[in-house]
Amino acid sequence: MSDSVAKLKLPALIALVVGSMIGGGIFSLPQNMAASAAPGAILIGWGITAVGMLMLAFVFQNLANRKPELDSGVYAYAKAGFGNFMGFSSAWGYWISAWLGNVSYFVLLFSTLGYFIPGFGEGNTPLAVVCASVVLWGVQYLVQRGIKEAAFINQLTTIAKIVPLIMFIVIAALAFRMDLFTADFWGRGNVELGSVMNQVRNMMLVTVWVFVGIEGANVYSARAERRRDVGRATVIGFVGVLALLVLVNVLSLGIMSQPDLAQLRNPSMAQVLEHVVGHWGAVLISVGLAISLAGALLSWTLLCAEILHAAAKDHTMPAFLRKENARHVPANAIWLTNGLIQLFLIVTLFSNSSYLSLLYLATSMILVPYFWSAAYAVRLALSGQGYEGEAPARRRDLVISGIALVYAAWLIYAGGLQYLLLSCLLYAPGAALFAMARREQGLRVFTRTEAVTFGVVLVGALSAAYGLYAGLLHL
């Protein structure tokens, strides 16, 4: 990279992490969580999530420090530890998760504006799709102005969207009723929720979604001014966002009952605050959400482009994705990303895809990169590579990465068969780009093990296609 390209300092890296994690998810959290679980199960779920995601944060921090040469983001860990195809699949899955997340953000944004303009409906009406398309290409124009400029704007939007969240937490804390929070604490009065274990399992994809972006600083590690800031930004961003998420979720359960929260329209935080202070509360949260989504769309557009560009630079992706414009922005990667976002915005017109269904699908796509990153950290600790003379640190990191690996495996299980199959349907077409990249280098496409892996993915993809055709699966 040219020395003329400005490097990102710690505040910018923290803002990228926080800006990536705080998008639309936190504003819909009260309803999303109440739809799956009662207060007791929600607290257990947050406990599991806090430990699991903290371990993942430490994994990314450790890998950033132990393997500074792997500066292409999370997919590089899968490639280094488990081969070219697994590295490609992690990059592909991460990228799809990122742009699917942007589709869900557009749906949520215009669903929110539908509170004021009925023509936007649930965010998937023709008027909503047309307006979302205008915003989409406006974001593209902004990002193409340069990584440094877009990162600075992201810092401003990150600060701006924190303000209504803090106001909500303060007001909700003053209105919190313990008797309401503890009523039917385990959800035994609601047979639809099922057992406590089922409740915890069902809420897991939501908790993962609101933390997606925790690895954001790693994606930009090559652009960081100081390498150690990557790990620091990851952990600082995680702790701050965790506090906001838990407070928003728990305090809401002391203002409205779980069944009432489950019936709210998203963004449900607006209606919770309106319940306490009146109409101006809904307006405040809606404005905060609009700012938050603008920042999140910017962050994730940057992340989408960067992951494709980084993968193309080390020949994991085809060469055409390496192209940069005069401002060192990966132009072709952005065009490909936003072209697919545009396509899926049109698809929402015909499939009636809701914010929540897109959220679940995007979350399921990112579980593979998380799983292989944790597995690579376990492998390093077991082999002792990079730990010469550091036995205590090696044992510590083995425990941390082991917990993160178990957590990632649990998430794949919690996601359920439907989203596992739908993930295969999105993973399978990526093999065409993988084959293109391998042919450009004059290399064999698959090893024997990789061919078997792709065969399993292909079977899953065909099963998902049949399931969608037969009406057994739904987007």
Protein backbone atom coordinates (compact mmCIF):
# COMPACT_ATOMS: atom_id res chain seq x y z
CA MET A 1 0.00 0.00 0.00
CA SER A 2 1.23 3.46 -0.83
CA ASP A 3 2.67 5.53 2.00
CA SER A 4 0.36 8.34 0.87
CA VAL A 5 -2.67 6.39 2.09
CA ALA A 6 -3.60 7.68 5.54
CA LYS A 7 -3.43 5.14 8.38
CA LEU A 8 -6.28 4.65 10.85
CA LYS A 9 -5.68 5.62 14.48
CA LEU A 10 -7.18 3.91 17.56
CA PRO A 11 -10.31 6.15 17.79
CA ALA A 12 -11.10 5.46 14.13
CA LEU A 13 -10.64 1.70 14.63
CA ILE A 14 -12.87 1.72 17.74
CA ALA A 15 -15.50 3.68 15.81
CA LEU A 16 -15.36 1.10 13.01
CA VAL A 17 -15.93 -1.72 15.52
CA VAL A 18 -18.71 0.09 17.40
CA GLY A 19 -20.21 1.46 14.20
CA SER A 20 -20.27 -2.01 12.66
CA MET A 21 -21.90 -3.59 15.73
CA ILE A 22 -24.42 -0.86 16.51
CA GLY A 23 -26.55 -0.74 13.41
CA GLY A 24 -30.25 -1.48 13.47
CA GLY A 25 -30.17 -4.53 15.74
CA ILE A 26 -30.12 -2.69 19.06
CA PHE A 27 -33.16 -0.59 18.08
CA SER A 28 -35.21 -3.75 17.45
CA LEU A 29 -33.76 -5.72 20.35
CA PRO A 30 -36.73 -5.48 22.78
CA GLN A 31 -39.13 -7.18 20.35
CA ASN A 32 -36.61 -9.56 18.79
CA MET A 33 -35.61 -11.01 22.17
CA ALA A 34 -39.10 -11.02 23.71
CA ALA A 35 -40.40 -12.97 20.71
CA SER A 36 -38.12 -15.87 21.67
CA ALA A 37 -37.62 -15.81 25.44
CA ALA A 38 -38.77 -14.67 28.89
CA PRO A 39 -36.57 -12.52 31.19
CA GLY A 40 -34.86 -15.44 32.97
CA ALA A 41 -33.85 -17.16 29.74
CA ILE A 42 -32.78 -13.81 28.27
CA LEU A 43 -30.38 -13.24 31.19
CA ILE A 44 -28.93 -16.74 30.73
CA GLY A 45 -28.57 -16.12 27.01
CA TRP A 46 -26.77 -12.83 27.57
CA GLY A 47 -24.46 -14.55 30.02
CA ILE A 48 -23.53 -17.19 27.43
CA THR A 49 -23.17 -14.52 24.74
CA ALA A 50 -21.02 -12.27 26.91
CA VAL A 51 -18.56 -15.09 27.68
CA GLY A 52 -18.57 -16.53 24.15
CA MET A 53 -18.22 -13.22 22.35
CA LEU A 54 -15.59 -11.98 24.80
CA MET A 55 -13.58 -15.12 24.06
CA LEU A 56 -13.98 -14.44 20.33
CA ALA A 57 -12.84 -10.86 20.91
CA PHE A 58 -9.76 -12.18 22.69
CA VAL A 59 -9.20 -14.65 19.85
CA PHE A 60 -9.16 -11.82 17.31
CA GLN A 61 -6.92 -9.76 19.58
CA ASN A 62 -4.52 -12.67 20.05
CA LEU A 63 -4.40 -13.54 16.34
CA ALA A 64 -3.80 -9.90 15.44
CA ASN A 65 -0.77 -9.90 17.78
CA ARG A 66 0.56 -13.43 17.13
CA LYS A 67 0.11 -13.38 13.36
CA PRO A 68 0.70 -9.78 12.26
CA GLU A 69 1.51 -10.96 8.74
CA LEU A 70 -2.10 -12.14 8.36
CA ASP A 71 -3.48 -8.65 7.88
CA SER A 72 -6.33 -9.44 5.48
CA GLY A 73 -9.03 -10.00 8.08
CA VAL A 74 -10.80 -13.01 9.49
CA TYR A 75 -10.70 -15.15 6.34
CA ALA A 76 -6.89 -15.18 6.41
CA TYR A 77 -6.95 -17.30 9.58
CA ALA A 78 -9.07 -20.01 7.94
CA LYS A 79 -6.77 -19.99 4.91
CA ALA A 80 -3.57 -20.21 6.97
CA GLY A 81 -4.88 -23.02 9.12
CA PHE A 82 -7.13 -25.07 6.87
CA GLY A 83 -6.30 -24.44 3.23
CA ASN A 84 -7.26 -22.31 0.27
CA PHE A 85 -10.88 -23.38 -0.19
CA MET A 86 -11.73 -22.94 3.48
CA GLY A 87 -10.08 -19.52 3.39
CA PHE A 88 -12.08 -18.59 0.32
CA SER A 89 -15.31 -19.88 1.89
CA SER A 90 -14.71 -17.78 5.01
CA ALA A 91 -14.10 -14.68 2.89
CA TRP A 92 -17.17 -15.45 0.77
CA GLY A 93 -19.40 -16.11 3.79
CA TYR A 94 -18.20 -13.02 5.62
CA TRP A 95 -18.79 -10.88 2.54
CA ILE A 96 -22.31 -12.26 1.95
CA SER A 97 -23.16 -11.75 5.61
CA ALA A 98 -22.02 -8.14 5.35
CA TRP A 99 -24.05 -7.17 2.29
CA LEU A 100 -27.10 -9.17 3.41
CA GLY A 101 -26.86 -7.17 6.62
CA ASN A 102 -27.02 -4.00 4.53
CA VAL A 103 -30.17 -5.28 2.80
CA SER A 104 -31.75 -5.87 6.21
CA TYR A 105 -30.71 -2.37 7.30
CA PHE A 106 -32.44 -0.84 4.29
CA VAL A 107 -35.61 -2.78 5.07
CA LEU A 108 -35.49 -1.65 8.71
CA LEU A 109 -34.72 1.96 7.80
CA PHE A 110 -37.74 2.32 5.55
CA SER A 111 -39.91 0.30 7.91
CA THR A 112 -39.04 2.94 10.52
CA LEU A 113 -39.87 5.75 8.11
CA GLY A 114 -43.14 3.92 7.48
CA TYR A 115 -44.12 5.10 10.97
CA PHE A 116 -44.34 8.58 9.44
CA ILE A 117 -44.91 7.78 5.72
CA PRO A 118 -47.37 4.87 5.28
CA GLY A 119 -46.21 4.26 1.68
CA PHE A 120 -43.00 2.71 3.01
CA GLY A 121 -44.98 -0.01 4.82
CA GLU A 122 -42.71 -2.65 6.34
CA GLY A 123 -39.74 -1.43 4.31
CA ASN A 124 -40.32 -3.73 1.33
CA THR A 125 -42.88 -1.79 -0.73
CA PRO A 126 -42.07 -0.47 -4.25
CA LEU A 127 -41.68 3.08 -2.88
CA ALA A 128 -39.35 1.83 -0.12
CA VAL A 129 -37.20 -0.13 -2.60
CA VAL A 130 -36.88 2.86 -4.95
CA CYS A 131 -35.83 5.18 -2.11
CA ALA A 132 -33.47 2.54 -0.66
CA SER A 133 -31.84 2.26 -4.09
CA VAL A 134 -31.21 6.01 -4.15
CA VAL A 135 -29.57 5.82 -0.71
CA LEU A 136 -27.56 2.76 -1.74
CA TRP A 137 -25.87 4.49 -4.65
CA GLY A 138 -25.41 7.64 -2.59
CA VAL A 139 -23.44 5.57 -0.06
CA GLN A 140 -21.39 4.14 -2.94
CA TYR A 141 -20.49 7.64 -4.10
CA LEU A 142 -19.40 8.59 -0.58
CA VAL A 143 -17.27 5.47 -0.08
CA GLN A 144 -15.57 5.96 -3.44
CA ARG A 145 -14.36 9.33 -2.18
CA GLY A 146 -11.88 7.46 0.01
CA ILE A 147 -11.44 5.11 2.98
CA LYS A 148 -10.07 7.84 5.27
CA GLU A 149 -12.91 10.27 4.52
CA ALA A 150 -15.60 7.59 4.96
CA ALA A 151 -14.00 6.41 8.22
CA PHE A 152 -14.09 9.98 9.56
CA ILE A 153 -17.80 10.33 8.73
CA ASN A 154 -18.35 6.95 10.42
CA GLN A 155 -16.79 8.36 13.61
CA LEU A 156 -19.28 11.25 13.56
CA THR A 157 -22.32 8.99 13.01
CA THR A 158 -21.09 6.62 15.73
CA ILE A 159 -21.02 9.46 18.26
CA ALA A 160 -24.38 10.82 17.07
CA LYS A 161 -26.26 7.53 17.37
CA ILE A 162 -24.97 6.82 20.90
CA VAL A 163 -26.84 9.88 22.26
CA PRO A 164 -30.44 8.59 21.85
CA LEU A 165 -29.35 5.19 23.19
CA ILE A 166 -28.01 6.79 26.37
CA MET A 167 -31.20 8.85 26.72
CA PHE A 168 -33.31 5.71 26.33
CA ILE A 169 -31.29 3.88 29.01
CA VAL A 170 -31.61 6.78 31.49
CA ILE A 171 -35.37 7.20 30.96
CA ALA A 172 -35.99 3.43 30.98
CA ALA A 173 -34.02 3.04 34.21
CA LEU A 174 -36.21 5.66 35.90
CA ALA A 175 -39.40 3.96 34.65
CA PHE A 176 -38.24 0.39 35.36
CA ARG A 177 -40.65 -1.78 37.42
CA MET A 178 -39.15 -4.82 39.13
CA ASP A 179 -42.56 -6.46 39.63
CA LEU A 180 -43.17 -6.40 35.87
CA PHE A 181 -39.68 -7.71 35.15
CA THR A 182 -40.05 -10.69 37.51
CA ALA A 183 -43.65 -11.59 36.52
CA ASP A 184 -43.54 -14.98 34.72
CA PHE A 185 -39.73 -14.78 34.92
CA TRP A 186 -39.16 -18.14 33.20
CA GLY A 187 -42.01 -17.89 30.68
CA ARG A 188 -43.96 -20.83 32.07
CA GLY A 189 -47.22 -18.99 31.44
CA ASN A 190 -46.47 -18.86 27.69
CA VAL A 191 -46.43 -22.36 26.20
CA GLU A 192 -45.28 -21.04 22.80
CA LEU A 193 -41.87 -20.16 24.25
CA GLY A 194 -41.10 -23.74 25.24
CA SER A 195 -38.52 -24.81 27.80
CA VAL A 196 -35.87 -22.47 29.16
CA MET A 197 -33.26 -24.31 27.05
CA ASN A 198 -35.32 -23.80 23.89
CA GLN A 199 -35.76 -20.14 24.74
CA VAL A 200 -32.02 -19.67 25.14
CA ARG A 201 -31.36 -21.52 21.87
CA ASN A 202 -33.96 -19.52 19.95
CA MET A 203 -32.54 -16.15 20.99
CA MET A 204 -28.95 -16.99 20.06
CA LEU A 205 -28.97 -15.77 16.45
CA VAL A 206 -30.28 -12.39 17.60
CA THR A 207 -27.47 -12.00 20.14
CA VAL A 208 -24.88 -12.95 17.52
CA TRP A 209 -26.30 -10.48 15.02
CA VAL A 210 -25.98 -7.51 17.35
CA PHE A 211 -22.28 -8.39 17.83
CA VAL A 212 -21.47 -9.00 14.18
CA GLY A 213 -18.74 -6.49 13.42
CA ILE A 214 -16.66 -7.40 16.46
CA GLU A 215 -13.91 -8.38 14.02
CA GLY A 216 -14.19 -5.09 12.12
CA ALA A 217 -10.80 -3.73 13.21
CA ASN A 218 -9.10 -6.95 12.03
CA VAL A 219 -10.41 -6.38 8.52
CA TYR A 220 -8.62 -3.02 8.54
CA SER A 221 -5.46 -4.24 10.28
CA ALA A 222 -3.34 -3.47 7.21
CA ARG A 223 -4.56 0.13 7.34
CA ALA A 224 -3.99 0.60 11.10
CA GLU A 225 -1.34 3.11 12.19
CA ARG A 226 -0.22 0.77 15.01
CA ARG A 227 -0.77 -2.96 14.90
CA ARG A 228 -1.50 -3.32 18.64
CA ASP A 229 -4.42 -0.87 18.27
CA VAL A 230 -6.35 -3.54 16.31
CA GLY A 231 -6.74 -5.81 19.33
CA ARG A 232 -7.35 -2.90 21.71
CA ALA A 233 -10.10 -1.50 19.49
CA THR A 234 -11.79 -4.92 19.33
CA VAL A 235 -11.96 -5.41 23.12
CA ILE A 236 -12.85 -1.78 23.95
CA GLY A 237 -15.61 -1.76 21.34
CA PHE A 238 -16.98 -5.10 22.57
CA VAL A 239 -17.24 -4.09 26.24
CA GLY A 240 -18.96 -0.79 25.44
CA VAL A 241 -21.49 -2.33 23.06
CA LEU A 242 -22.23 -5.23 25.44
CA ALA A 243 -23.18 -2.77 28.19
CA LEU A 244 -25.53 -0.87 25.86
CA LEU A 245 -27.20 -4.03 24.53
CA VAL A 246 -27.87 -5.64 27.90
CA LEU A 247 -29.21 -2.41 29.41
CA VAL A 248 -31.55 -1.75 26.48
CA ASN A 249 -32.89 -5.32 26.54
CA VAL A 250 -33.26 -5.80 30.30
CA LEU A 251 -34.70 -2.35 31.05
CA SER A 252 -37.36 -2.81 28.35
CA LEU A 253 -38.61 -5.92 30.15
CA GLY A 254 -39.33 -3.77 33.19
CA ILE A 255 -41.43 -1.31 31.20
CA MET A 256 -43.62 -3.64 29.14
CA SER A 257 -44.40 -7.33 29.63
CA GLN A 258 -42.75 -10.01 27.49
CA PRO A 259 -45.96 -10.80 25.52
CA ASP A 260 -46.57 -7.09 24.85
CA LEU A 261 -42.97 -6.54 23.71
CA ALA A 262 -43.18 -9.56 21.41
CA GLN A 263 -46.12 -7.96 19.56
CA LEU A 264 -44.43 -4.62 18.87
CA ARG A 265 -43.53 -3.41 15.41
CA ASN A 266 -39.84 -2.75 14.77
CA PRO A 267 -37.97 -0.64 15.66
CA SER A 268 -39.51 -1.71 18.95
CA MET A 269 -37.32 0.58 21.07
CA ALA A 270 -39.27 3.55 19.69
CA GLN A 271 -42.56 2.12 20.92
CA VAL A 272 -41.10 1.24 24.33
CA LEU A 273 -39.97 4.83 24.84
CA GLU A 274 -43.28 6.14 23.48
CA HIS A 275 -44.99 4.00 26.14
CA VAL A 276 -43.08 5.94 28.82
CA VAL A 277 -42.87 9.53 27.57
CA GLY A 278 -45.30 9.83 24.66
CA HIS A 279 -44.93 10.47 20.93
CA TRP A 280 -41.71 12.47 21.11
CA GLY A 281 -39.96 9.36 22.42
CA ALA A 282 -40.78 7.45 19.23
CA VAL A 283 -39.55 10.38 17.13
CA LEU A 284 -36.26 10.57 19.07
CA ILE A 285 -35.53 6.86 18.61
CA SER A 286 -36.54 6.94 14.94
CA VAL A 287 -34.11 9.79 14.27
CA GLY A 288 -31.41 7.96 16.21
CA LEU A 289 -32.08 4.82 14.19
CA ALA A 290 -31.83 6.70 10.90
CA ILE A 291 -28.43 8.08 11.94
CA SER A 292 -27.35 4.68 13.23
CA LEU A 293 -28.31 2.90 10.03
CA ALA A 294 -26.56 5.54 7.92
CA GLY A 295 -23.36 4.86 9.86
CA ALA A 296 -23.86 1.09 9.73
CA LEU A 297 -24.48 1.14 5.98
CA LEU A 298 -21.27 3.10 5.56
CA SER A 299 -19.27 0.77 7.86
CA TRP A 300 -20.52 -2.39 6.19
CA THR A 301 -20.00 -1.04 2.68
CA LEU A 302 -16.39 -0.39 3.67
CA LEU A 303 -16.10 -3.87 5.18
CA CYS A 304 -17.65 -5.56 2.14
CA ALA A 305 -15.24 -3.87 -0.23
CA GLU A 306 -12.21 -4.42 1.99
CA ILE A 307 -12.75 -8.17 2.46
CA LEU A 308 -13.05 -8.80 -1.31
CA HIS A 309 -10.11 -6.55 -2.09
CA ALA A 310 -7.86 -8.12 0.55
CA ALA A 311 -8.79 -11.63 -0.63
CA ALA A 312 -8.04 -10.68 -4.24
CA LYS A 313 -4.63 -9.25 -3.31
CA ASP A 314 -3.46 -12.64 -2.03
CA HIS A 315 -5.11 -14.47 -4.96
CA THR A 316 -7.93 -16.01 -2.89
CA MET A 317 -10.41 -14.05 -5.05
CA PRO A 318 -10.10 -13.29 -8.79
CA ALA A 319 -7.77 -10.53 -9.93
CA PHE A 320 -10.49 -8.13 -11.14
CA LEU A 321 -11.45 -7.47 -7.51
CA ARG A 322 -7.98 -6.01 -6.82
CA LYS A 323 -8.67 -2.88 -8.89
CA GLU A 324 -8.51 0.41 -6.95
CA ASN A 325 -9.57 3.87 -8.05
CA ALA A 326 -7.39 6.99 -7.79
CA ARG A 327 -8.27 7.32 -4.09
CA HIS A 328 -7.13 3.75 -3.30
CA VAL A 329 -10.70 2.51 -2.87
CA PRO A 330 -11.45 -1.03 -4.19
CA ALA A 331 -13.84 0.04 -6.94
CA ASN A 332 -14.81 -3.30 -8.51
CA ALA A 333 -15.42 -4.85 -5.09
CA ILE A 334 -17.86 -2.05 -4.25
CA TRP A 335 -19.67 -2.34 -7.58
CA LEU A 336 -20.12 -6.10 -7.16
CA THR A 337 -21.31 -5.70 -3.56
CA ASN A 338 -23.82 -2.94 -4.20
CA GLY A 339 -25.04 -4.63 -7.38
CA LEU A 340 -26.07 -7.66 -5.32
CA ILE A 341 -27.60 -5.47 -2.61
CA GLN A 342 -29.68 -3.83 -5.35
CA LEU A 343 -30.75 -7.26 -6.63
CA PHE A 344 -31.83 -8.43 -3.18
CA LEU A 345 -33.72 -5.19 -2.54
CA ILE A 346 -35.78 -6.05 -5.61
CA VAL A 347 -36.17 -9.63 -4.35
CA THR A 348 -37.78 -8.30 -1.14
CA LEU A 349 -40.67 -7.06 -3.28
CA PHE A 350 -41.55 -10.61 -4.25
CA SER A 351 -40.49 -12.67 -1.23
CA ASN A 352 -41.79 -10.28 1.46
CA SER A 353 -38.51 -10.81 3.31
CA SER A 354 -38.70 -9.14 6.71
CA TYR A 355 -35.90 -7.53 8.67
CA LEU A 356 -35.80 -10.49 11.05
CA SER A 357 -35.58 -13.18 8.34
CA LEU A 358 -32.74 -11.31 6.60
CA LEU A 359 -31.05 -10.87 9.97
CA TYR A 360 -31.11 -14.62 10.67
CA LEU A 361 -29.75 -15.46 7.22
CA ALA A 362 -26.94 -12.89 7.46
CA THR A 363 -26.01 -14.18 10.91
CA SER A 364 -25.86 -17.81 9.77
CA MET A 365 -23.45 -16.83 6.98
CA ILE A 366 -20.90 -15.35 9.38
CA LEU A 367 -20.77 -18.36 11.71
CA VAL A 368 -18.32 -20.24 9.46
CA PRO A 369 -15.65 -17.46 9.52
CA TYR A 370 -16.04 -17.20 13.30
CA PHE A 371 -15.75 -20.97 13.75
CA TRP A 372 -12.57 -21.29 11.67
CA SER A 373 -10.93 -18.28 13.30
CA ALA A 374 -11.42 -19.91 16.72
CA ALA A 375 -10.26 -23.27 15.34
CA TYR A 376 -7.08 -21.67 13.99
CA ALA A 377 -6.37 -20.08 17.38
CA VAL A 378 -6.78 -23.53 19.01
CA ARG A 379 -4.41 -25.02 16.44
CA LEU A 380 -1.75 -22.38 17.11
CA ALA A 381 -1.94 -22.92 20.87
CA LEU A 382 -1.75 -26.71 20.51
CA SER A 383 1.21 -26.56 18.13
CA GLY A 384 3.04 -23.90 20.13
CA GLN A 385 3.75 -21.91 16.97
CA GLY A 386 4.63 -18.37 17.97
CA TYR A 387 4.70 -19.27 21.70
CA GLU A 388 8.40 -20.08 22.12
CA GLY A 389 9.22 -19.69 25.83
CA GLU A 390 5.65 -18.57 26.67
CA ALA A 391 4.07 -21.66 28.20
CA PRO A 392 1.64 -19.77 30.51
CA ALA A 393 0.40 -17.61 27.63
CA ARG A 394 0.00 -20.70 25.48
CA ARG A 395 -2.15 -22.45 28.11
CA ARG A 396 -4.23 -19.31 28.62
CA ASP A 397 -4.85 -18.87 24.91
CA LEU A 398 -5.72 -22.55 24.50
CA VAL A 399 -8.48 -22.19 27.11
CA ILE A 400 -9.76 -18.94 25.56
CA SER A 401 -9.77 -20.23 22.00
CA GLY A 402 -11.26 -23.56 23.13
CA ILE A 403 -14.22 -21.79 24.74
CA ALA A 404 -14.63 -19.61 21.62
CA LEU A 405 -14.62 -22.72 19.40
CA VAL A 406 -17.29 -24.46 21.51
CA TYR A 407 -19.36 -21.27 21.46
CA ALA A 408 -19.10 -20.99 17.66
CA ALA A 409 -20.16 -24.63 17.28
CA TRP A 410 -23.11 -24.02 19.63
CA LEU A 411 -24.19 -21.07 17.48
CA ILE A 412 -24.26 -23.23 14.34
CA TYR A 413 -26.46 -25.72 16.21
CA ALA A 414 -28.67 -22.95 17.62
CA GLY A 415 -29.22 -21.53 14.13
CA GLY A 416 -31.11 -24.65 13.13
CA LEU A 417 -31.28 -26.76 9.96
CA GLN A 418 -33.19 -24.21 7.86
CA TYR A 419 -30.53 -21.53 8.02
CA LEU A 420 -27.73 -24.08 7.67
CA LEU A 421 -29.23 -25.25 4.37
CA LEU A 422 -29.91 -21.71 3.16
CA SER A 423 -26.28 -20.89 3.96
CA CYS A 424 -25.17 -23.77 1.73
CA LEU A 425 -27.31 -22.31 -1.06
CA LEU A 426 -25.38 -19.04 -0.79
CA TYR A 427 -21.97 -20.68 -0.28
CA ALA A 428 -22.16 -23.01 -3.31
CA PRO A 429 -22.08 -20.39 -6.13
CA GLY A 430 -18.88 -18.94 -4.69
CA ALA A 431 -16.98 -21.94 -6.02
CA ALA A 432 -17.09 -20.30 -9.47
CA LEU A 433 -15.00 -17.34 -8.24
CA PHE A 434 -12.69 -19.71 -6.36
CA ALA A 435 -12.15 -21.72 -9.55
CA MET A 436 -11.50 -18.51 -11.50
CA ALA A 437 -8.85 -17.40 -8.99
CA ARG A 438 -7.15 -20.81 -9.05
CA ARG A 439 -7.14 -20.96 -12.86
CA GLU A 440 -5.57 -17.49 -13.03
CA GLN A 441 -2.63 -18.95 -11.10
CA GLY A 442 -2.51 -22.12 -13.20
CA LEU A 443 -3.34 -24.24 -10.14
CA ARG A 444 -5.61 -27.21 -9.56
CA VAL A 445 -9.00 -26.02 -8.30
CA PHE A 446 -9.63 -28.49 -5.44
CA THR A 447 -7.57 -30.85 -3.38
CA ARG A 448 -9.25 -34.18 -2.63
CA THR A 449 -10.41 -33.00 0.81
CA GLU A 450 -11.66 -29.69 -0.60
CA ALA A 451 -13.62 -31.53 -3.31
CA VAL A 452 -15.38 -33.59 -0.62
CA THR A 453 -16.13 -30.42 1.36
CA PHE A 454 -17.59 -28.72 -1.69
CA GLY A 455 -19.64 -31.84 -2.43
CA VAL A 456 -21.25 -31.63 1.02
CA VAL A 457 -22.01 -27.93 0.50
CA LEU A 458 -23.50 -28.69 -2.92
CA VAL A 459 -25.80 -31.36 -1.48
CA GLY A 460 -26.95 -28.87 1.15
CA ALA A 461 -27.52 -26.22 -1.54
CA LEU A 462 -29.61 -28.59 -3.67
CA SER A 463 -31.62 -29.57 -0.59
CA ALA A 464 -32.26 -25.90 0.17
CA ALA A 465 -33.30 -25.20 -3.42
CA TYR A 466 -35.80 -28.06 -3.29
CA GLY A 467 -37.02 -26.89 0.13
CA LEU A 468 -37.69 -23.39 -1.22
CA TYR A 469 -39.44 -24.82 -4.31
CA ALA A 470 -41.60 -27.16 -2.21
CA GLY A 471 -42.42 -24.48 0.35
CA LEU A 472 -40.58 -26.31 3.14
CA LEU A 473 -38.09 -23.45 3.58
CA HIS A 474 -38.70 -19.70 3.42
CA LEU A 475 -36.48 -16.67 2.99
